[in-house]
Amino acid sequence: MSQIIVVKVGGHATHQLTEEFFEQLRIWRNMGKQILIVHGGGPQISEWSSQLNLPVKKIDGVRVTSAQTLKVTQAVLLGLVQPALCRQLSAHGLPVVGLNAGGQKSVGW
């Protein structure tokens, strides 16, 4: 049975991935590990929200998401951040499948 390794890549880090990062993923893959990459996109969401004149609200560093901001969040994560990350992984010779929980309900405050 292969192990699953979960890697969290923050929104800032998606633009700063090093060759060493990709090499480590290759090493794990060659060892038979399954790799699940979970990514953020906070900076990108804030940037797009600001461009659309939507308030960026955080409480103790946690984003408070209105219904409008949730739509922007989904668009940014699924339309910009995930595809860019997938392209980087593919460009480094790593097989990639982009997944999302598009049918899930989220709660906006």
PDB file of N, CA and C in Angstrom:
ATOM      1  N   MET A   1       0.843  -1.175   0.000  1.00  0.00           N
ATOM      2  CA  MET A   1       0.000   0.000   0.000  1.00  0.00           C
ATOM      3  C   MET A   1       0.888   1.238   0.000  1.00  0.00           C
ATOM      4  N   SER A   2       0.593   2.169  -0.877  1.00  0.00           N
ATOM      5  CA  SER A   2       1.420   3.367  -0.936  1.00  0.00           C
ATOM      6  C   SER A   2       0.903   4.415   0.031  1.00  0.00           C
ATOM      7  N   GLN A   3       1.804   5.221   0.503  1.00  0.00           N
ATOM      8  CA  GLN A   3       1.445   6.318   1.392  1.00  0.00           C
ATOM      9  C   GLN A   3       1.044   7.536   0.580  1.00  0.00           C
ATOM     10  N   ILE A   4       0.187   8.346   1.187  1.00  0.00           N
ATOM     11  CA  ILE A   4      -0.178   9.623   0.587  1.00  0.00           C
ATOM     12  C   ILE A   4       0.559  10.710   1.349  1.00  0.00           C
ATOM     13  N   ILE A   5       1.217  11.558   0.620  1.00  0.00           N
ATOM     14  CA  ILE A   5       1.889  12.719   1.210  1.00  0.00           C
ATOM     15  C   ILE A   5       1.093  13.941   0.809  1.00  0.00           C
ATOM     16  N   VAL A   6       0.670  14.720   1.800  1.00  0.00           N
ATOM     17  CA  VAL A   6      -0.084  15.942   1.550  1.00  0.00           C
ATOM     18  C   VAL A   6       0.872  17.125   1.699  1.00  0.00           C
ATOM     19  N   VAL A   7       0.897  17.964   0.660  1.00  0.00           N
ATOM     20  CA  VAL A   7       1.756  19.144   0.653  1.00  0.00           C
ATOM     21  C   VAL A   7       0.854  20.362   0.530  1.00  0.00           C
ATOM     22  N   LYS A   8       0.981  21.312   1.448  1.00  0.00           N
ATOM     23  CA  LYS A   8       0.207  22.556   1.386  1.00  0.00           C
ATOM     24  C   LYS A   8       1.113  23.631   0.810  1.00  0.00           C
ATOM     25  N   VAL A   9       0.659  24.240  -0.290  1.00  0.00           N
ATOM     26  CA  VAL A   9       1.401  25.324  -0.930  1.00  0.00           C
ATOM     27  C   VAL A   9       0.561  26.581  -0.773  1.00  0.00           C
ATOM     28  N   GLY A  10       1.072  27.542  -0.042  1.00  0.00           N
ATOM     29  CA  GLY A  10       0.345  28.790   0.160  1.00  0.00           C
ATOM     30  C   GLY A  10       0.301  29.630  -1.103  1.00  0.00           C
ATOM     31  N   GLY A  11      -0.592  30.594  -1.104  1.00  0.00           N
ATOM     32  CA  GLY A  11      -0.758  31.460  -2.268  1.00  0.00           C
ATOM     33  C   GLY A  11       0.504  32.208  -2.648  1.00  0.00           C
ATOM     34  N   HIS A  12       1.250  32.689  -1.648  1.00  0.00           N
ATOM     35  CA  HIS A  12       2.518  33.370  -1.956  1.00  0.00           C
ATOM     36  C   HIS A  12       3.511  32.389  -2.574  1.00  0.00           C
ATOM     37  N   ALA A  13       3.542  31.178  -2.033  1.00  0.00           N
ATOM     38  CA  ALA A  13       4.533  30.193  -2.462  1.00  0.00           C
ATOM     39  C   ALA A  13       4.313  29.691  -3.877  1.00  0.00           C
ATOM     40  N   THR A  14       3.089  29.796  -4.399  1.00  0.00           N
ATOM     41  CA  THR A  14       2.841  29.278  -5.745  1.00  0.00           C
ATOM     42  C   THR A  14       3.699  29.976  -6.791  1.00  0.00           C
ATOM     43  N   HIS A  15       4.190  31.168  -6.471  1.00  0.00           N
ATOM     44  CA  HIS A  15       5.054  31.912  -7.397  1.00  0.00           C
ATOM     45  C   HIS A  15       6.541  31.719  -7.076  1.00  0.00           C
ATOM     46  N   GLN A  16       6.840  30.950  -6.040  1.00  0.00           N
ATOM     47  CA  GLN A  16       8.219  30.852  -5.571  1.00  0.00           C
ATOM     48  C   GLN A  16       8.720  29.418  -5.455  1.00  0.00           C
ATOM     49  N   LEU A  17       8.102  28.495  -6.171  1.00  0.00           N
ATOM     50  CA  LEU A  17       8.499  27.097  -6.066  1.00  0.00           C
ATOM     51  C   LEU A  17       9.868  26.897  -6.709  1.00  0.00           C
ATOM     52  N   THR A  18      10.726  26.179  -5.999  1.00  0.00           N
ATOM     53  CA  THR A  18      12.105  25.987  -6.439  1.00  0.00           C
ATOM     54  C   THR A  18      12.278  24.642  -7.148  1.00  0.00           C
ATOM     55  N   GLU A  19      13.388  24.516  -7.812  1.00  0.00           N
ATOM     56  CA  GLU A  19      13.718  23.237  -8.451  1.00  0.00           C
ATOM     57  C   GLU A  19      13.815  22.143  -7.394  1.00  0.00           C
ATOM     58  N   GLU A  20      14.289  22.487  -6.200  1.00  0.00           N
ATOM     59  CA  GLU A  20      14.389  21.509  -5.115  1.00  0.00           C
ATOM     60  C   GLU A  20      13.008  20.988  -4.718  1.00  0.00           C
ATOM     61  N   PHE A  21      12.000  21.851  -4.745  1.00  0.00           N
ATOM     62  CA  PHE A  21      10.632  21.439  -4.451  1.00  0.00           C
ATOM     63  C   PHE A  21      10.183  20.369  -5.448  1.00  0.00           C
ATOM     64  N   PHE A  22      10.375  20.650  -6.728  1.00  0.00           N
ATOM     65  CA  PHE A  22       9.945  19.707  -7.764  1.00  0.00           C
ATOM     66  C   PHE A  22      10.758  18.413  -7.699  1.00  0.00           C
ATOM     67  N   GLU A  23      12.032  18.529  -7.381  1.00  0.00           N
ATOM     68  CA  GLU A  23      12.872  17.333  -7.257  1.00  0.00           C
ATOM     69  C   GLU A  23      12.395  16.458  -6.104  1.00  0.00           C
ATOM     70  N   GLN A  24      12.003  17.078  -4.980  1.00  0.00           N
ATOM     71  CA  GLN A  24      11.498  16.291  -3.852  1.00  0.00           C
ATOM     72  C   GLN A  24      10.222  15.557  -4.236  1.00  0.00           C
ATOM     73  N   LEU A  25       9.354  16.215  -4.979  1.00  0.00           N
ATOM     74  CA  LEU A  25       8.136  15.544  -5.458  1.00  0.00           C
ATOM     75  C   LEU A  25       8.490  14.347  -6.339  1.00  0.00           C
ATOM     76  N   ARG A  26       9.489  14.513  -7.220  1.00  0.00           N
ATOM     77  CA  ARG A  26       9.922  13.401  -8.085  1.00  0.00           C
ATOM     78  C   ARG A  26      10.464  12.240  -7.249  1.00  0.00           C
ATOM     79  N   ILE A  27      11.235  12.564  -6.207  1.00  0.00           N
ATOM     80  CA  ILE A  27      11.800  11.522  -5.339  1.00  0.00           C
ATOM     81  C   ILE A  27      10.676  10.734  -4.680  1.00  0.00           C
ATOM     82  N   TRP A  28       9.708  11.446  -4.110  1.00  0.00           N
ATOM     83  CA  TRP A  28       8.589  10.747  -3.460  1.00  0.00           C
ATOM     84  C   TRP A  28       7.829   9.893  -4.456  1.00  0.00           C
ATOM     85  N   ARG A  29       7.608  10.431  -5.639  1.00  0.00           N
ATOM     86  CA  ARG A  29       6.869   9.682  -6.672  1.00  0.00           C
ATOM     87  C   ARG A  29       7.634   8.422  -7.065  1.00  0.00           C
ATOM     88  N   ASN A  30       8.951   8.540  -7.225  1.00  0.00           N
ATOM     89  CA  ASN A  30       9.773   7.379  -7.566  1.00  0.00           C
ATOM     90  C   ASN A  30       9.779   6.335  -6.448  1.00  0.00           C
ATOM     91  N   MET A  31       9.494   6.776  -5.220  1.00  0.00           N
ATOM     92  CA  MET A  31       9.405   5.861  -4.075  1.00  0.00           C
ATOM     93  C   MET A  31       8.026   5.205  -4.004  1.00  0.00           C
ATOM     94  N   GLY A  32       7.130   5.561  -4.925  1.00  0.00           N
ATOM     95  CA  GLY A  32       5.799   4.973  -4.939  1.00  0.00           C
ATOM     96  C   GLY A  32       4.774   5.714  -4.101  1.00  0.00           C
ATOM     97  N   LYS A  33       5.132   6.892  -3.623  1.00  0.00           N
ATOM     98  CA  LYS A  33       4.208   7.687  -2.814  1.00  0.00           C
ATOM     99  C   LYS A  33       3.178   8.377  -3.709  1.00  0.00           C
ATOM    100  N   GLN A  34       1.982   8.538  -3.185  1.00  0.00           N
ATOM    101  CA  GLN A  34       0.970   9.353  -3.843  1.00  0.00           C
ATOM    102  C   GLN A  34       1.061  10.743  -3.236  1.00  0.00           C
ATOM    103  N   ILE A  35       0.986  11.767  -4.067  1.00  0.00           N
ATOM    104  CA  ILE A  35       1.162  13.130  -3.582  1.00  0.00           C
ATOM    105  C   ILE A  35      -0.108  13.918  -3.841  1.00  0.00           C
ATOM    106  N   LEU A  36      -0.597  14.546  -2.792  1.00  0.00           N
ATOM    107  CA  LEU A  36      -1.750  15.421  -2.880  1.00  0.00           C
ATOM    108  C   LEU A  36      -1.287  16.824  -2.525  1.00  0.00           C
ATOM    109  N   ILE A  37      -1.430  17.745  -3.454  1.00  0.00           N
ATOM    110  CA  ILE A  37      -1.034  19.128  -3.203  1.00  0.00           C
ATOM    111  C   ILE A  37      -2.292  19.950  -2.992  1.00  0.00           C
ATOM    112  N   VAL A  38      -2.350  20.609  -1.856  1.00  0.00           N
ATOM    113  CA  VAL A  38      -3.448  21.504  -1.513  1.00  0.00           C
ATOM    114  C   VAL A  38      -2.867  22.909  -1.586  1.00  0.00           C
ATOM    115  N   HIS A  39      -3.559  23.800  -2.298  1.00  0.00           N
ATOM    116  CA  HIS A  39      -2.988  25.135  -2.472  1.00  0.00           C
ATOM    117  C   HIS A  39      -3.902  26.219  -1.939  1.00  0.00           C
ATOM    118  N   GLY A  40      -3.283  27.314  -1.590  1.00  0.00           N
ATOM    119  CA  GLY A  40      -4.010  28.512  -1.197  1.00  0.00           C
ATOM    120  C   GLY A  40      -4.042  29.480  -2.355  1.00  0.00           C
ATOM    121  N   GLY A  41      -4.428  30.678  -2.045  1.00  0.00           N
ATOM    122  CA  GLY A  41      -4.494  31.715  -3.066  1.00  0.00           C
ATOM    123  C   GLY A  41      -4.898  33.055  -2.459  1.00  0.00           C
ATOM    124  N   GLY A  42      -4.638  33.209  -1.178  1.00  0.00           N
ATOM    125  CA  GLY A  42      -5.040  34.428  -0.478  1.00  0.00           C
ATOM    126  C   GLY A  42      -4.611  35.721  -1.146  1.00  0.00           C
ATOM    127  N   PRO A  43      -3.336  35.862  -1.505  1.00  0.00           N
ATOM    128  CA  PRO A  43      -2.908  37.109  -2.140  1.00  0.00           C
ATOM    129  C   PRO A  43      -3.623  37.364  -3.464  1.00  0.00           C
ATOM    130  N   GLN A  44      -3.823  36.307  -4.230  1.00  0.00           N
ATOM    131  CA  GLN A  44      -4.499  36.443  -5.516  1.00  0.00           C
ATOM    132  C   GLN A  44      -5.974  36.815  -5.316  1.00  0.00           C
ATOM    133  N   ILE A  45      -6.611  36.227  -4.311  1.00  0.00           N
ATOM    134  CA  ILE A  45      -8.013  36.541  -4.020  1.00  0.00           C
ATOM    135  C   ILE A  45      -8.135  37.998  -3.589  1.00  0.00           C
ATOM    136  N   SER A  46      -7.232  38.435  -2.726  1.00  0.00           N
ATOM    137  CA  SER A  46      -7.261  39.834  -2.271  1.00  0.00           C
ATOM    138  C   SER A  46      -7.046  40.788  -3.435  1.00  0.00           C
ATOM    139  N   GLU A  47      -6.108  40.459  -4.303  1.00  0.00           N
ATOM    140  CA  GLU A  47      -5.823  41.316  -5.460  1.00  0.00           C
ATOM    141  C   GLU A  47      -7.052  41.449  -6.355  1.00  0.00           C
ATOM    142  N   TRP A  48      -7.678  40.329  -6.684  1.00  0.00           N
ATOM    143  CA  TRP A  48      -8.842  40.370  -7.568  1.00  0.00           C
ATOM    144  C   TRP A  48     -10.040  41.025  -6.883  1.00  0.00           C
ATOM    145  N   SER A  49     -10.197  40.787  -5.598  1.00  0.00           N
ATOM    146  CA  SER A  49     -11.285  41.439  -4.866  1.00  0.00           C
ATOM    147  C   SER A  49     -11.118  42.952  -4.903  1.00  0.00           C
ATOM    148  N   SER A  50      -9.900  43.405  -4.675  1.00  0.00           N
ATOM    149  CA  SER A  50      -9.630  44.850  -4.721  1.00  0.00           C
ATOM    150  C   SER A  50      -9.894  45.422  -6.109  1.00  0.00           C
ATOM    151  N   GLN A  51      -9.470  44.703  -7.144  1.00  0.00           N
ATOM    152  CA  GLN A  51      -9.703  45.172  -8.514  1.00  0.00           C
ATOM    153  C   GLN A  51     -11.200  45.285  -8.824  1.00  0.00           C
ATOM    154  N   LEU A  52     -12.005  44.445  -8.172  1.00  0.00           N
ATOM    155  CA  LEU A  52     -13.455  44.458  -8.387  1.00  0.00           C
ATOM    156  C   LEU A  52     -14.182  45.315  -7.345  1.00  0.00           C
ATOM    157  N   ASN A  53     -13.390  46.090  -6.580  1.00  0.00           N
ATOM    158  CA  ASN A  53     -13.932  46.971  -5.538  1.00  0.00           C
ATOM    159  C   ASN A  53     -14.753  46.229  -4.490  1.00  0.00           C
ATOM    160  N   LEU A  54     -14.341  45.008  -4.174  1.00  0.00           N
ATOM    161  CA  LEU A  54     -14.953  44.251  -3.087  1.00  0.00           C
ATOM    162  C   LEU A  54     -14.070  44.396  -1.854  1.00  0.00           C
ATOM    163  N   PRO A  55     -14.661  44.620  -0.694  1.00  0.00           N
ATOM    164  CA  PRO A  55     -13.834  44.774   0.507  1.00  0.00           C
ATOM    165  C   PRO A  55     -13.115  43.468   0.853  1.00  0.00           C
ATOM    166  N   VAL A  56     -11.887  43.597   1.289  1.00  0.00           N
ATOM    167  CA  VAL A  56     -11.109  42.454   1.770  1.00  0.00           C
ATOM    168  C   VAL A  56     -11.156  42.536   3.286  1.00  0.00           C
ATOM    169  N   LYS A  57     -11.905  41.639   3.894  1.00  0.00           N
ATOM    170  CA  LYS A  57     -12.105  41.687   5.333  1.00  0.00           C
ATOM    171  C   LYS A  57     -11.487  40.457   5.984  1.00  0.00           C
ATOM    172  N   LYS A  58     -10.685  40.706   7.026  1.00  0.00           N
ATOM    173  CA  LYS A  58     -10.083  39.610   7.777  1.00  0.00           C
ATOM    174  C   LYS A  58     -10.263  39.886   9.264  1.00  0.00           C
ATOM    175  N   ILE A  59     -10.495  38.828  10.007  1.00  0.00           N
ATOM    176  CA  ILE A  59     -10.567  38.899  11.457  1.00  0.00           C
ATOM    177  C   ILE A  59      -9.511  37.965  12.007  1.00  0.00           C
ATOM    178  N   ASP A  60      -8.552  38.518  12.739  1.00  0.00           N
ATOM    179  CA  ASP A  60      -7.427  37.737  13.270  1.00  0.00           C
ATOM    180  C   ASP A  60      -6.735  36.936  12.177  1.00  0.00           C
ATOM    181  N   GLY A  61      -6.589  37.543  11.003  1.00  0.00           N
ATOM    182  CA  GLY A  61      -5.889  36.915   9.892  1.00  0.00           C
ATOM    183  C   GLY A  61      -6.717  35.935   9.079  1.00  0.00           C
ATOM    184  N   VAL A  62      -7.973  35.742   9.456  1.00  0.00           N
ATOM    185  CA  VAL A  62      -8.842  34.806   8.739  1.00  0.00           C
ATOM    186  C   VAL A  62      -9.788  35.604   7.850  1.00  0.00           C
ATOM    187  N   ARG A  63      -9.801  35.249   6.579  1.00  0.00           N
ATOM    188  CA  ARG A  63     -10.647  35.946   5.614  1.00  0.00           C
ATOM    189  C   ARG A  63     -12.128  35.730   5.939  1.00  0.00           C
ATOM    190  N   VAL A  64     -12.870  36.814   5.926  1.00  0.00           N
ATOM    191  CA  VAL A  64     -14.321  36.757   6.071  1.00  0.00           C
ATOM    192  C   VAL A  64     -14.879  36.906   4.665  1.00  0.00           C
ATOM    193  N   THR A  65     -15.596  35.898   4.232  1.00  0.00           N
ATOM    194  CA  THR A  65     -15.995  35.816   2.837  1.00  0.00           C
ATOM    195  C   THR A  65     -17.488  36.054   2.667  1.00  0.00           C
ATOM    196  N   SER A  66     -17.818  37.108   1.951  1.00  0.00           N
ATOM    197  CA  SER A  66     -19.210  37.375   1.593  1.00  0.00           C
ATOM    198  C   SER A  66     -19.573  36.504   0.399  1.00  0.00           C
ATOM    199  N   ALA A  67     -20.842  36.505   0.036  1.00  0.00           N
ATOM    200  CA  ALA A  67     -21.281  35.718  -1.127  1.00  0.00           C
ATOM    201  C   ALA A  67     -20.571  36.187  -2.391  1.00  0.00           C
ATOM    202  N   GLN A  68     -20.396  37.506  -2.547  1.00  0.00           N
ATOM    203  CA  GLN A  68     -19.706  38.022  -3.738  1.00  0.00           C
ATOM    204  C   GLN A  68     -18.241  37.614  -3.738  1.00  0.00           C
ATOM    205  N   THR A  69     -17.610  37.720  -2.579  1.00  0.00           N
ATOM    206  CA  THR A  69     -16.197  37.356  -2.489  1.00  0.00           C
ATOM    207  C   THR A  69     -16.007  35.856  -2.682  1.00  0.00           C
ATOM    208  N   LEU A  70     -16.982  35.069  -2.285  1.00  0.00           N
ATOM    209  CA  LEU A  70     -16.890  33.623  -2.496  1.00  0.00           C
ATOM    210  C   LEU A  70     -16.833  33.306  -3.986  1.00  0.00           C
ATOM    211  N   LYS A  71     -17.608  34.014  -4.779  1.00  0.00           N
ATOM    212  CA  LYS A  71     -17.576  33.805  -6.230  1.00  0.00           C
ATOM    213  C   LYS A  71     -16.201  34.163  -6.792  1.00  0.00           C
ATOM    214  N   VAL A  72     -15.638  35.266  -6.313  1.00  0.00           N
ATOM    215  CA  VAL A  72     -14.292  35.669  -6.750  1.00  0.00           C
ATOM    216  C   VAL A  72     -13.283  34.616  -6.305  1.00  0.00           C
ATOM    217  N   THR A  73     -13.421  34.138  -5.086  1.00  0.00           N
ATOM    218  CA  THR A  73     -12.512  33.121  -4.552  1.00  0.00           C
ATOM    219  C   THR A  73     -12.528  31.867  -5.424  1.00  0.00           C
ATOM    220  N   GLN A  74     -13.709  31.394  -5.753  1.00  0.00           N
ATOM    221  CA  GLN A  74     -13.818  30.201  -6.604  1.00  0.00           C
ATOM    222  C   GLN A  74     -13.191  30.446  -7.971  1.00  0.00           C
ATOM    223  N   ALA A  75     -13.469  31.605  -8.550  1.00  0.00           N
ATOM    224  CA  ALA A  75     -12.926  31.918  -9.877  1.00  0.00           C
ATOM    225  C   ALA A  75     -11.409  31.988  -9.848  1.00  0.00           C
ATOM    226  N   VAL A  76     -10.863  32.624  -8.819  1.00  0.00           N
ATOM    227  CA  VAL A  76      -9.409  32.787  -8.730  1.00  0.00           C
ATOM    228  C   VAL A  76      -8.729  31.448  -8.476  1.00  0.00           C
ATOM    229  N   LEU A  77      -9.243  30.680  -7.523  1.00  0.00           N
ATOM    230  CA  LEU A  77      -8.601  29.409  -7.190  1.00  0.00           C
ATOM    231  C   LEU A  77      -8.695  28.396  -8.326  1.00  0.00           C
ATOM    232  N   LEU A  78      -9.884  28.305  -8.919  1.00  0.00           N
ATOM    233  CA  LEU A  78     -10.083  27.288  -9.956  1.00  0.00           C
ATOM    234  C   LEU A  78      -9.693  27.765 -11.348  1.00  0.00           C
ATOM    235  N   GLY A  79      -9.715  29.075 -11.571  1.00  0.00           N
ATOM    236  CA  GLY A  79      -9.422  29.594 -12.899  1.00  0.00           C
ATOM    237  C   GLY A  79      -8.016  30.130 -13.082  1.00  0.00           C
ATOM    238  N   LEU A  80      -7.352  30.469 -11.986  1.00  0.00           N
ATOM    239  CA  LEU A  80      -6.009  31.049 -12.089  1.00  0.00           C
ATOM    240  C   LEU A  80      -4.954  30.252 -11.329  1.00  0.00           C
ATOM    241  N   VAL A  81      -5.154  30.097 -10.025  1.00  0.00           N
ATOM    242  CA  VAL A  81      -4.109  29.486  -9.193  1.00  0.00           C
ATOM    243  C   VAL A  81      -3.914  28.015  -9.526  1.00  0.00           C
ATOM    244  N   GLN A  82      -4.994  27.238  -9.528  1.00  0.00           N
ATOM    245  CA  GLN A  82      -4.856  25.802  -9.797  1.00  0.00           C
ATOM    246  C   GLN A  82      -4.263  25.523 -11.179  1.00  0.00           C
ATOM    247  N   PRO A  83      -4.763  26.156 -12.246  1.00  0.00           N
ATOM    248  CA  PRO A  83      -4.163  25.884 -13.555  1.00  0.00           C
ATOM    249  C   PRO A  83      -2.680  26.274 -13.628  1.00  0.00           C
ATOM    250  N   ALA A  84      -2.314  27.388 -13.000  1.00  0.00           N
ATOM    251  CA  ALA A  84      -0.910  27.804 -13.020  1.00  0.00           C
ATOM    252  C   ALA A  84      -0.036  26.797 -12.290  1.00  0.00           C
ATOM    253  N   LEU A  85      -0.505  26.304 -11.149  1.00  0.00           N
ATOM    254  CA  LEU A  85       0.246  25.299 -10.407  1.00  0.00           C
ATOM    255  C   LEU A  85       0.348  24.001 -11.205  1.00  0.00           C
ATOM    256  N   CYS A  86      -0.740  23.608 -11.831  1.00  0.00           N
ATOM    257  CA  CYS A  86      -0.723  22.391 -12.662  1.00  0.00           C
ATOM    258  C   CYS A  86       0.274  22.527 -13.820  1.00  0.00           C
ATOM    259  N   ARG A  87       0.308  23.699 -14.439  1.00  0.00           N
ATOM    260  CA  ARG A  87       1.271  23.921 -15.539  1.00  0.00           C
ATOM    261  C   ARG A  87       2.710  23.810 -15.045  1.00  0.00           C
ATOM    262  N   GLN A  88       2.978  24.353 -13.852  1.00  0.00           N
ATOM    263  CA  GLN A  88       4.336  24.268 -13.303  1.00  0.00           C
ATOM    264  C   GLN A  88       4.731  22.821 -13.047  1.00  0.00           C
ATOM    265  N   LEU A  89       3.824  22.069 -12.451  1.00  0.00           N
ATOM    266  CA  LEU A  89       4.121  20.659 -12.168  1.00  0.00           C
ATOM    267  C   LEU A  89       4.356  19.883 -13.461  1.00  0.00           C
ATOM    268  N   SER A  90       3.503  20.103 -14.440  1.00  0.00           N
ATOM    269  CA  SER A  90       3.631  19.428 -15.724  1.00  0.00           C
ATOM    270  C   SER A  90       4.931  19.817 -16.426  1.00  0.00           C
ATOM    271  N   ALA A  91       5.286  21.088 -16.362  1.00  0.00           N
ATOM    272  CA  ALA A  91       6.525  21.567 -16.989  1.00  0.00           C
ATOM    273  C   ALA A  91       7.761  20.919 -16.358  1.00  0.00           C
ATOM    274  N   HIS A  92       7.624  20.447 -15.125  1.00  0.00           N
ATOM    275  CA  HIS A  92       8.732  19.783 -14.443  1.00  0.00           C
ATOM    276  C   HIS A  92       8.622  18.260 -14.547  1.00  0.00           C
ATOM    277  N   GLY A  93       7.810  17.796 -15.490  1.00  0.00           N
ATOM    278  CA  GLY A  93       7.734  16.369 -15.765  1.00  0.00           C
ATOM    279  C   GLY A  93       6.917  15.559 -14.776  1.00  0.00           C
ATOM    280  N   LEU A  94       6.082  16.225 -13.997  1.00  0.00           N
ATOM    281  CA  LEU A  94       5.271  15.523 -13.012  1.00  0.00           C
ATOM    282  C   LEU A  94       3.845  15.372 -13.531  1.00  0.00           C
ATOM    283  N   PRO A  95       3.280  14.182 -13.425  1.00  0.00           N
ATOM    284  CA  PRO A  95       1.891  14.003 -13.856  1.00  0.00           C
ATOM    285  C   PRO A  95       0.971  14.740 -12.882  1.00  0.00           C
ATOM    286  N   VAL A  96      -0.063  15.356 -13.406  1.00  0.00           N
ATOM    287  CA  VAL A  96      -0.922  16.167 -12.542  1.00  0.00           C
ATOM    288  C   VAL A  96      -2.373  16.073 -13.000  1.00  0.00           C
ATOM    289  N   VAL A  97      -3.264  16.052 -12.021  1.00  0.00           N
ATOM    290  CA  VAL A  97      -4.697  16.128 -12.264  1.00  0.00           C
ATOM    291  C   VAL A  97      -5.234  17.170 -11.295  1.00  0.00           C
ATOM    292  N   GLY A  98      -5.898  18.200 -11.814  1.00  0.00           N
ATOM    293  CA  GLY A  98      -6.479  19.227 -10.958  1.00  0.00           C
ATOM    294  C   GLY A  98      -7.848  18.792 -10.487  1.00  0.00           C
ATOM    295  N   LEU A  99      -8.048  18.788  -9.183  1.00  0.00           N
ATOM    296  CA  LEU A  99      -9.325  18.395  -8.598  1.00  0.00           C
ATOM    297  C   LEU A  99      -9.903  19.563  -7.814  1.00  0.00           C
ATOM    298  N   ASN A 100     -11.226  19.538  -7.638  1.00  0.00           N
ATOM    299  CA  ASN A 100     -11.854  20.528  -6.772  1.00  0.00           C
ATOM    300  C   ASN A 100     -13.135  19.946  -6.216  1.00  0.00           C
ATOM    301  N   ALA A 101     -13.641  20.597  -5.196  1.00  0.00           N
ATOM    302  CA  ALA A 101     -14.892  20.166  -4.559  1.00  0.00           C
ATOM    303  C   ALA A 101     -15.996  21.124  -4.986  1.00  0.00           C
ATOM    304  N   GLY A 102     -16.172  21.290  -6.280  1.00  0.00           N
ATOM    305  CA  GLY A 102     -17.095  22.270  -6.821  1.00  0.00           C
ATOM    306  C   GLY A 102     -18.527  22.140  -6.352  1.00  0.00           C
ATOM    307  N   GLY A 103     -18.950  20.979  -5.944  1.00  0.00           N
ATOM    308  CA  GLY A 103     -20.325  20.801  -5.503  1.00  0.00           C
ATOM    309  C   GLY A 103     -20.550  21.105  -4.047  1.00  0.00           C
ATOM    310  N   GLN A 104     -19.475  21.436  -3.323  1.00  0.00           N
ATOM    311  CA  GLN A 104     -19.590  21.674  -1.891  1.00  0.00           C
ATOM    312  C   GLN A 104     -20.189  23.036  -1.603  1.00  0.00           C
ATOM    313  N   LYS A 105     -20.946  23.121  -0.546  1.00  0.00           N
ATOM    314  CA  LYS A 105     -21.516  24.396  -0.104  1.00  0.00           C
ATOM    315  C   LYS A 105     -20.526  25.052   0.852  1.00  0.00           C
ATOM    316  N   SER A 106     -20.404  26.350   0.758  1.00  0.00           N
ATOM    317  CA  SER A 106     -19.571  27.099   1.692  1.00  0.00           C
ATOM    318  C   SER A 106     -20.454  28.099   2.416  1.00  0.00           C
ATOM    319  N   VAL A 107     -20.035  28.450   3.589  1.00  0.00           N
ATOM    320  CA  VAL A 107     -20.791  29.406   4.388  1.00  0.00           C
ATOM    321  C   VAL A 107     -20.110  30.754   4.287  1.00  0.00           C
ATOM    322  N   GLY A 108     -20.847  31.782   3.912  1.00  0.00           N
ATOM    323  CA  GLY A 108     -20.300  33.138   3.878  1.00  0.00           C
ATOM    324  C   GLY A 108     -20.814  33.919   5.065  1.00  0.00           C
ATOM    325  N   TRP A 109     -19.974  34.803   5.598  1.00  0.00           N
ATOM    326  CA  TRP A 109     -20.379  35.640   6.726  1.00  0.00           C
ATOM    327  C   TRP A 109     -20.681  37.016   6.255  1.00  0.00           C
TER     328      TRP A 109
END
